[in-house]
Amino acid sequence: MQDRPEQTVSDNPLRHLTPAQFMALGGNAVVYIRPIKGAKLSELMEEEALGEEDQTEEFQIVVSADGSPLLVADSTEAVEEWLSDKNFGIVALH
């Protein structure tokens, strides 16, 4: 059996940008959308905004590239409607 060299994980330099450098790259124009379960969403929120019945529901969260949450919606259609009048250059689905 052949020995495999250990894989090294390189540190991406984009993780170390200052806010000003990030904005210069267009960081304010980049958002991503991802599904999130109600239970996980409750962990992220400071107040208990979701009821027990919402814990298993799936929501859509829109997050700016710097990690700031912009919108939580209960459907992809609601996200699409919200994005329709925004001026984001890139919207990536994850």
Protein backbone atom coordinates (compact mmCIF):
# COMPACT_ATOMS: atom_id res chain seq x y z
CA MET A 1 0.00 0.00 0.00
CA GLN A 2 1.28 3.40 -0.88
CA ASP A 3 1.68 6.08 1.79
CA ARG A 4 -0.18 9.27 1.08
CA PRO A 5 1.39 12.58 2.01
CA GLU A 6 -0.55 14.47 4.62
CA GLN A 7 -2.83 17.05 3.11
CA THR A 8 -2.11 20.55 4.26
CA VAL A 9 -4.91 23.03 4.55
CA SER A 10 -3.82 26.39 3.28
CA ASP A 11 -5.03 29.51 5.01
CA ASN A 12 -7.01 31.58 2.53
CA PRO A 13 -5.81 35.22 2.53
CA LEU A 14 -9.39 36.42 1.95
CA ARG A 15 -10.18 35.44 5.54
CA HIS A 16 -7.84 38.16 6.80
CA LEU A 17 -9.18 41.17 4.91
CA THR A 18 -10.04 44.30 6.81
CA PRO A 19 -13.61 45.57 6.37
CA ALA A 20 -12.32 48.32 4.06
CA GLN A 21 -10.42 45.82 1.89
CA PHE A 22 -13.47 43.57 1.75
CA MET A 23 -15.72 46.43 0.61
CA ALA A 24 -13.16 47.42 -2.02
CA LEU A 25 -13.52 43.93 -3.48
CA GLY A 26 -17.28 44.39 -3.72
CA GLY A 27 -18.17 42.62 -0.50
CA ASN A 28 -21.24 44.78 -0.06
CA ALA A 29 -22.62 43.45 -3.36
CA VAL A 30 -22.34 39.77 -2.50
CA VAL A 31 -24.95 37.74 -0.65
CA TYR A 32 -25.69 34.08 -0.28
CA ILE A 33 -28.84 32.18 0.44
CA ARG A 34 -29.06 28.94 2.33
CA PRO A 35 -31.74 26.84 3.96
CA ILE A 36 -31.74 26.70 7.74
CA LYS A 37 -33.87 24.70 10.17
CA GLY A 38 -35.90 26.59 12.74
CA ALA A 39 -33.97 25.00 15.61
CA LYS A 40 -30.65 26.28 14.24
CA LEU A 41 -32.19 29.67 13.50
CA SER A 42 -33.34 29.90 17.13
CA GLU A 43 -29.74 29.40 18.26
CA LEU A 44 -28.66 32.38 16.15
CA MET A 45 -31.35 34.72 17.41
CA GLU A 46 -31.00 36.61 20.67
CA GLU A 47 -34.66 36.45 21.58
CA GLU A 48 -36.97 33.46 21.52
CA ALA A 49 -38.75 34.53 18.33
CA LEU A 50 -39.70 31.08 17.06
CA GLY A 51 -42.33 28.88 18.63
CA GLU A 52 -42.03 25.15 19.25
CA GLU A 53 -43.94 24.41 16.03
CA ASP A 54 -41.30 26.29 13.98
CA GLN A 55 -38.32 24.29 15.27
CA THR A 56 -38.60 21.65 12.53
CA GLU A 57 -39.59 24.06 9.73
CA GLU A 58 -37.09 25.03 7.06
CA PHE A 59 -36.43 28.72 6.46
CA GLN A 60 -34.27 30.58 3.95
CA ILE A 61 -31.63 32.96 5.26
CA VAL A 62 -29.94 35.64 3.16
CA VAL A 63 -26.53 36.57 4.50
CA SER A 64 -24.11 39.21 3.27
CA ALA A 65 -20.64 38.06 2.36
CA ASP A 66 -19.32 39.45 5.64
CA GLY A 67 -21.67 37.14 7.55
CA SER A 68 -24.33 39.68 8.52
CA PRO A 69 -27.86 38.28 8.24
CA LEU A 70 -30.04 40.35 5.94
CA LEU A 71 -33.29 38.42 5.69
CA VAL A 72 -35.01 35.34 7.06
CA ALA A 73 -37.91 34.09 4.98
CA ASP A 74 -40.20 31.10 5.01
CA SER A 75 -39.96 30.45 1.26
CA THR A 76 -37.64 30.85 -1.71
CA GLU A 77 -40.34 32.92 -3.38
CA ALA A 78 -40.19 35.47 -0.56
CA VAL A 79 -36.40 35.64 -0.94
CA GLU A 80 -36.71 36.10 -4.71
CA GLU A 81 -39.24 38.89 -4.24
CA TRP A 82 -37.03 40.65 -1.69
CA LEU A 83 -33.98 40.36 -3.96
CA SER A 84 -35.86 41.59 -7.05
CA ASP A 85 -35.47 45.26 -6.16
CA LYS A 86 -31.98 44.98 -4.66
CA ASN A 87 -28.79 45.87 -6.45
CA PHE A 88 -26.62 42.88 -5.58
CA GLY A 89 -24.06 41.99 -8.21
CA ILE A 90 -23.80 38.33 -7.21
CA VAL A 91 -26.30 36.08 -5.50
CA ALA A 92 -24.90 32.60 -4.92
CA LEU A 93 -27.03 29.72 -3.74
CA HIS A 94 -25.44 27.41 -1.16
